[in-house]
N, C-alpha and C. Protein backbone atom coordinates (compact mmCIF):
# COMPACT_ATOMS: atom_id res chain seq x y z
N UNK A 1 0.83 -1.20 0.00
CA UNK A 1 0.00 0.00 0.00
C UNK A 1 0.86 1.25 0.00
N UNK A 2 0.33 2.29 -0.63
CA UNK A 2 1.00 3.58 -0.66
C UNK A 2 0.10 4.60 0.02
N UNK A 3 0.66 5.41 0.89
CA UNK A 3 -0.11 6.39 1.64
C UNK A 3 0.46 7.76 1.35
N UNK A 4 -0.30 8.58 0.63
CA UNK A 4 0.13 9.94 0.31
C UNK A 4 -0.38 10.90 1.37
N UNK A 5 0.42 11.90 1.68
CA UNK A 5 0.02 12.91 2.65
C UNK A 5 0.77 14.21 2.38
N UNK A 6 0.35 15.26 3.08
CA UNK A 6 1.06 16.52 2.98
C UNK A 6 0.37 17.59 2.16
N UNK A 7 -0.76 17.27 1.57
CA UNK A 7 -1.47 18.26 0.79
C UNK A 7 -2.08 19.33 1.68
N UNK A 8 -2.60 20.37 1.06
CA UNK A 8 -3.22 21.45 1.81
C UNK A 8 -3.47 22.65 0.94
N UNK A 9 -3.75 23.74 1.60
CA UNK A 9 -4.03 25.02 0.92
C UNK A 9 -2.80 25.91 1.01
N UNK A 10 -2.38 26.44 -0.11
CA UNK A 10 -1.20 27.31 -0.13
C UNK A 10 -1.44 28.42 -1.14
N UNK A 11 -0.84 29.55 -0.92
CA UNK A 11 -0.95 30.66 -1.87
C UNK A 11 -0.01 30.44 -3.04
N UNK A 12 -0.37 31.03 -4.17
CA UNK A 12 0.50 30.96 -5.33
C UNK A 12 1.88 31.50 -4.97
N UNK A 13 2.89 30.78 -5.42
CA UNK A 13 4.27 31.12 -5.08
C UNK A 13 4.78 30.40 -3.84
N UNK A 14 3.89 29.73 -3.14
CA UNK A 14 4.26 29.04 -1.93
C UNK A 14 4.79 27.64 -2.19
N UNK A 15 5.05 26.92 -1.11
CA UNK A 15 5.64 25.59 -1.19
C UNK A 15 4.87 24.59 -0.34
N UNK A 16 4.96 23.35 -0.75
CA UNK A 16 4.41 22.23 0.02
C UNK A 16 5.32 21.03 -0.20
N UNK A 17 5.36 20.14 0.78
CA UNK A 17 6.08 18.88 0.61
C UNK A 17 5.12 17.73 0.81
N UNK A 18 5.00 16.91 -0.21
CA UNK A 18 4.17 15.73 -0.13
C UNK A 18 5.02 14.52 0.26
N UNK A 19 4.40 13.58 0.93
CA UNK A 19 5.06 12.34 1.31
C UNK A 19 4.25 11.17 0.80
N UNK A 20 4.94 10.09 0.50
CA UNK A 20 4.29 8.85 0.09
C UNK A 20 4.99 7.71 0.81
N UNK A 21 4.31 7.14 1.79
CA UNK A 21 4.88 6.06 2.58
C UNK A 21 4.42 4.72 2.04
N UNK A 22 5.36 3.82 1.84
CA UNK A 22 5.04 2.48 1.35
C UNK A 22 5.03 1.51 2.51
N UNK A 23 3.96 0.73 2.61
CA UNK A 23 3.86 -0.22 3.72
C UNK A 23 4.56 -1.53 3.39
N UNK A 24 4.77 -1.78 2.11
CA UNK A 24 5.47 -2.98 1.68
C UNK A 24 6.86 -2.59 1.20
N UNK A 25 7.76 -3.57 1.20
CA UNK A 25 9.13 -3.30 0.78
C UNK A 25 9.15 -2.77 -0.64
N UNK A 26 9.99 -1.74 -0.84
CA UNK A 26 10.21 -1.18 -2.17
C UNK A 26 11.54 -1.69 -2.67
N UNK A 27 11.54 -2.33 -3.83
CA UNK A 27 12.76 -2.91 -4.37
C UNK A 27 13.49 -1.91 -5.26
N UNK A 28 14.77 -2.16 -5.45
CA UNK A 28 15.59 -1.22 -6.20
C UNK A 28 15.11 -1.06 -7.64
N UNK A 29 14.45 -2.06 -8.17
CA UNK A 29 13.97 -1.98 -9.55
C UNK A 29 12.67 -1.18 -9.69
N UNK A 30 12.03 -0.92 -8.57
CA UNK A 30 10.77 -0.19 -8.62
C UNK A 30 10.97 1.26 -8.99
N UNK A 31 9.97 1.81 -9.64
CA UNK A 31 9.92 3.22 -9.96
C UNK A 31 8.71 3.80 -9.23
N UNK A 32 8.94 4.78 -8.40
CA UNK A 32 7.84 5.45 -7.72
C UNK A 32 7.61 6.81 -8.35
N UNK A 33 6.36 7.14 -8.53
CA UNK A 33 6.07 8.39 -9.21
C UNK A 33 4.93 9.17 -8.57
N UNK A 34 4.86 10.42 -8.97
CA UNK A 34 3.78 11.32 -8.58
C UNK A 34 2.98 11.70 -9.83
N UNK A 35 1.68 11.64 -9.71
CA UNK A 35 0.77 12.11 -10.73
C UNK A 35 -0.17 13.12 -10.06
N UNK A 36 -0.81 13.91 -10.89
CA UNK A 36 -1.83 14.82 -10.35
C UNK A 36 -3.03 14.85 -11.30
N UNK A 37 -4.18 15.11 -10.72
CA UNK A 37 -5.40 15.18 -11.51
C UNK A 37 -6.15 16.45 -11.14
N UNK A 38 -6.06 17.47 -11.98
CA UNK A 38 -6.81 18.70 -11.75
C UNK A 38 -8.31 18.42 -11.92
N UNK A 39 -9.16 19.25 -11.37
CA UNK A 39 -10.59 19.05 -11.50
C UNK A 39 -11.03 18.98 -12.95
N UNK A 40 -11.73 17.92 -13.31
CA UNK A 40 -12.26 17.78 -14.64
C UNK A 40 -11.25 17.42 -15.72
N UNK A 41 -10.04 17.10 -15.31
CA UNK A 41 -8.99 16.80 -16.29
C UNK A 41 -8.42 15.41 -16.09
N UNK A 42 -7.59 15.01 -17.05
CA UNK A 42 -6.94 13.71 -16.98
C UNK A 42 -5.82 13.73 -15.94
N UNK A 43 -5.51 12.54 -15.45
CA UNK A 43 -4.38 12.40 -14.54
C UNK A 43 -3.09 12.60 -15.35
N UNK A 44 -2.16 13.37 -14.81
CA UNK A 44 -0.94 13.67 -15.55
C UNK A 44 0.30 13.39 -14.71
N UNK A 45 1.36 13.01 -15.41
CA UNK A 45 2.62 12.71 -14.77
C UNK A 45 3.28 13.97 -14.24
N UNK A 46 3.87 13.84 -13.06
CA UNK A 46 4.58 14.97 -12.45
C UNK A 46 6.08 14.67 -12.32
N UNK A 47 6.39 13.57 -11.65
CA UNK A 47 7.79 13.21 -11.41
C UNK A 47 7.89 11.74 -11.01
N UNK A 48 9.09 11.19 -11.15
CA UNK A 48 9.30 9.81 -10.74
C UNK A 48 10.74 9.61 -10.31
N UNK A 49 10.96 8.56 -9.54
CA UNK A 49 12.30 8.25 -9.06
C UNK A 49 12.52 6.75 -9.06
N UNK A 50 13.67 6.35 -9.57
CA UNK A 50 14.04 4.93 -9.53
C UNK A 50 14.55 4.64 -8.12
N UNK A 51 13.96 3.64 -7.47
CA UNK A 51 14.24 3.44 -6.05
C UNK A 51 15.70 3.07 -5.80
N UNK A 52 16.26 2.26 -6.62
CA UNK A 52 17.63 1.82 -6.37
C UNK A 52 18.67 2.87 -6.70
N UNK A 53 18.62 3.41 -7.89
CA UNK A 53 19.66 4.35 -8.35
C UNK A 53 19.39 5.78 -7.92
N UNK A 54 18.13 6.08 -7.65
CA UNK A 54 17.78 7.47 -7.33
C UNK A 54 17.62 8.35 -8.55
N UNK A 55 17.68 7.76 -9.73
CA UNK A 55 17.51 8.57 -10.94
C UNK A 55 16.12 9.20 -10.94
N UNK A 56 16.07 10.45 -11.31
CA UNK A 56 14.80 11.17 -11.27
C UNK A 56 14.33 11.60 -12.65
N UNK A 57 13.04 11.78 -12.75
CA UNK A 57 12.39 12.18 -14.00
C UNK A 57 11.34 13.23 -13.65
N UNK A 58 11.21 14.22 -14.50
CA UNK A 58 10.26 15.31 -14.25
C UNK A 58 9.49 15.66 -15.50
N UNK A 59 8.24 16.06 -15.30
CA UNK A 59 7.50 16.69 -16.38
C UNK A 59 8.11 18.06 -16.64
N UNK A 60 8.09 18.48 -17.88
CA UNK A 60 8.69 19.77 -18.22
C UNK A 60 8.09 20.92 -17.41
N UNK A 61 6.82 20.80 -17.11
CA UNK A 61 6.11 21.90 -16.44
C UNK A 61 6.59 22.12 -15.00
N UNK A 62 7.26 21.13 -14.41
CA UNK A 62 7.67 21.27 -13.00
C UNK A 62 9.19 21.31 -12.83
N UNK A 63 9.93 21.12 -13.90
CA UNK A 63 11.39 21.13 -13.81
C UNK A 63 11.88 22.45 -13.23
N UNK A 64 12.79 22.35 -12.28
CA UNK A 64 13.34 23.54 -11.65
C UNK A 64 12.54 24.04 -10.47
N UNK A 65 11.33 23.52 -10.29
CA UNK A 65 10.49 23.95 -9.15
C UNK A 65 10.18 22.82 -8.20
N UNK A 66 10.03 21.61 -8.71
CA UNK A 66 9.69 20.45 -7.88
C UNK A 66 10.93 19.56 -7.74
N UNK A 67 11.05 18.94 -6.58
CA UNK A 67 12.15 18.00 -6.35
C UNK A 67 11.58 16.72 -5.76
N UNK A 68 11.86 15.62 -6.42
CA UNK A 68 11.44 14.31 -5.92
C UNK A 68 12.63 13.67 -5.23
N UNK A 69 12.36 13.02 -4.12
CA UNK A 69 13.44 12.39 -3.37
C UNK A 69 12.89 11.18 -2.62
N UNK A 70 13.79 10.43 -1.99
CA UNK A 70 13.37 9.24 -1.25
C UNK A 70 14.20 9.06 -0.01
N UNK A 71 13.63 8.35 0.94
CA UNK A 71 14.34 7.94 2.14
C UNK A 71 14.15 6.45 2.25
N UNK A 72 15.17 5.71 1.87
CA UNK A 72 15.07 4.26 1.86
C UNK A 72 14.81 3.67 3.22
N UNK A 73 15.41 4.26 4.24
CA UNK A 73 15.23 3.75 5.60
C UNK A 73 13.78 3.87 6.06
N UNK A 74 13.11 4.89 5.59
CA UNK A 74 11.71 5.10 5.96
C UNK A 74 10.75 4.56 4.90
N UNK A 75 11.33 4.07 3.79
CA UNK A 75 10.49 3.55 2.70
C UNK A 75 9.47 4.60 2.26
N UNK A 76 9.95 5.81 2.13
CA UNK A 76 9.08 6.95 1.86
C UNK A 76 9.65 7.80 0.74
N UNK A 77 8.76 8.28 -0.11
CA UNK A 77 9.12 9.17 -1.21
C UNK A 77 8.54 10.55 -0.91
N UNK A 78 9.21 11.58 -1.39
CA UNK A 78 8.77 12.95 -1.14
C UNK A 78 8.67 13.73 -2.46
N UNK A 79 7.86 14.75 -2.43
CA UNK A 79 7.80 15.69 -3.54
C UNK A 79 7.79 17.10 -2.94
N UNK A 80 8.91 17.78 -3.06
CA UNK A 80 8.99 19.17 -2.63
C UNK A 80 8.52 20.05 -3.78
N UNK A 81 7.48 20.81 -3.54
CA UNK A 81 6.88 21.63 -4.59
C UNK A 81 7.08 23.10 -4.22
N UNK A 82 7.79 23.82 -5.05
CA UNK A 82 8.07 25.22 -4.82
C UNK A 82 7.44 26.09 -5.92
N UNK A 83 7.22 27.33 -5.58
CA UNK A 83 6.67 28.29 -6.54
C UNK A 83 5.40 27.73 -7.20
N UNK A 84 4.49 27.28 -6.37
CA UNK A 84 3.27 26.67 -6.88
C UNK A 84 2.38 27.67 -7.60
N UNK A 85 1.69 27.19 -8.60
CA UNK A 85 0.80 28.00 -9.41
C UNK A 85 -0.64 27.55 -9.19
N UNK A 86 -1.56 28.48 -9.42
CA UNK A 86 -2.98 28.17 -9.19
C UNK A 86 -3.44 26.99 -10.03
N UNK A 87 -2.91 26.89 -11.26
CA UNK A 87 -3.32 25.81 -12.15
C UNK A 87 -2.79 24.44 -11.73
N UNK A 88 -1.98 24.42 -10.69
CA UNK A 88 -1.47 23.14 -10.17
C UNK A 88 -2.35 22.60 -9.06
N UNK A 89 -3.46 23.24 -8.84
CA UNK A 89 -4.47 22.70 -7.93
C UNK A 89 -4.95 21.36 -8.47
N UNK A 90 -4.85 20.34 -7.64
CA UNK A 90 -5.16 18.99 -8.11
C UNK A 90 -5.12 18.02 -6.95
N UNK A 91 -5.60 16.83 -7.19
CA UNK A 91 -5.34 15.72 -6.27
C UNK A 91 -4.04 15.08 -6.73
N UNK A 92 -3.12 14.96 -5.82
CA UNK A 92 -1.81 14.40 -6.13
C UNK A 92 -1.77 12.95 -5.64
N UNK A 93 -1.35 12.07 -6.53
CA UNK A 93 -1.29 10.64 -6.24
C UNK A 93 0.15 10.15 -6.34
N UNK A 94 0.49 9.20 -5.50
CA UNK A 94 1.76 8.49 -5.69
C UNK A 94 1.44 7.09 -6.22
N UNK A 95 2.37 6.55 -6.95
CA UNK A 95 2.16 5.27 -7.61
C UNK A 95 3.48 4.53 -7.74
N UNK A 96 3.37 3.23 -7.94
CA UNK A 96 4.57 2.39 -8.10
C UNK A 96 4.46 1.61 -9.39
N UNK A 97 5.56 1.62 -10.13
CA UNK A 97 5.62 0.84 -11.36
C UNK A 97 6.94 0.09 -11.44
N UNK A 98 7.15 -0.57 -12.57
CA UNK A 98 8.37 -1.34 -12.76
C UNK A 98 9.32 -0.72 -13.77
N UNK A 99 8.85 0.23 -14.52
CA UNK A 99 9.71 0.91 -15.48
C UNK A 99 9.22 2.32 -15.67
N UNK A 100 10.11 3.17 -16.14
CA UNK A 100 9.75 4.57 -16.28
C UNK A 100 8.67 4.75 -17.34
N UNK A 101 7.68 5.52 -16.97
CA UNK A 101 6.60 5.85 -17.89
C UNK A 101 5.90 7.10 -17.39
N UNK A 102 5.37 7.86 -18.31
CA UNK A 102 4.56 9.02 -17.95
C UNK A 102 3.08 8.69 -18.07
N UNK A 103 2.78 7.43 -18.36
CA UNK A 103 1.40 6.99 -18.55
C UNK A 103 0.90 6.35 -17.27
N UNK A 104 -0.21 6.84 -16.77
CA UNK A 104 -0.72 6.38 -15.48
C UNK A 104 -1.03 4.88 -15.47
N UNK A 105 -1.53 4.36 -16.54
CA UNK A 105 -1.93 2.95 -16.56
C UNK A 105 -0.74 2.01 -16.54
N UNK A 106 0.46 2.54 -16.69
CA UNK A 106 1.67 1.70 -16.60
C UNK A 106 2.09 1.48 -15.16
N UNK A 107 1.44 2.13 -14.22
CA UNK A 107 1.76 1.98 -12.80
C UNK A 107 0.77 1.02 -12.15
N UNK A 108 1.30 0.12 -11.30
CA UNK A 108 0.49 -0.97 -10.78
C UNK A 108 -0.25 -0.64 -9.49
N UNK A 109 0.40 0.12 -8.64
CA UNK A 109 -0.16 0.39 -7.32
C UNK A 109 -0.27 1.90 -7.12
N UNK A 110 -1.36 2.30 -6.47
CA UNK A 110 -1.65 3.71 -6.28
C UNK A 110 -2.00 4.01 -4.84
N UNK A 111 -1.59 5.19 -4.40
CA UNK A 111 -2.04 5.71 -3.13
C UNK A 111 -3.40 6.36 -3.30
N UNK A 112 -3.95 6.83 -2.19
CA UNK A 112 -5.32 7.35 -2.21
C UNK A 112 -5.41 8.79 -2.68
N UNK A 113 -4.32 9.50 -2.77
CA UNK A 113 -4.33 10.89 -3.22
C UNK A 113 -4.41 11.87 -2.08
N UNK A 114 -3.82 13.02 -2.30
CA UNK A 114 -3.87 14.11 -1.34
C UNK A 114 -4.16 15.41 -2.08
N UNK A 115 -5.08 16.20 -1.57
CA UNK A 115 -5.53 17.42 -2.25
C UNK A 115 -4.54 18.55 -2.05
N UNK A 116 -4.15 19.17 -3.14
CA UNK A 116 -3.35 20.38 -3.11
C UNK A 116 -4.16 21.50 -3.75
N UNK A 117 -4.37 22.57 -3.01
CA UNK A 117 -5.12 23.71 -3.52
C UNK A 117 -4.21 24.94 -3.47
N UNK A 118 -4.02 25.56 -4.61
CA UNK A 118 -3.18 26.74 -4.71
C UNK A 118 -4.08 27.93 -5.02
N UNK A 119 -4.12 28.86 -4.10
CA UNK A 119 -4.98 30.03 -4.29
C UNK A 119 -4.21 31.14 -4.99
N UNK A 120 -4.90 31.84 -5.87
CA UNK A 120 -4.22 32.91 -6.64
C UNK A 120 -4.37 34.25 -5.97
């Protein structure tokens, strides 16, 4: 299971850090990612990290503002979001897959989502 947390209400330009705790062991081959789903829109890729190597991947829209990281000892992934924009209001989900992909259906396990609201 994946448990996402850390969402909330923030003003545009502000920051939030999301967490995704895994209750089952995460293997080095696993890829953990963040997706978001704005109201009325499709779920979209945000960032991902290879658990073993720590290699990271970002959507172009968040490069330079968001940082994905992990703590192996805590079996937890993080998403530090800086300079947030109103259009980034969405439910943010964490997910686990076996290979890098920006397509949501390529991920096997999903957390329940955490709401991020950015006020303008």
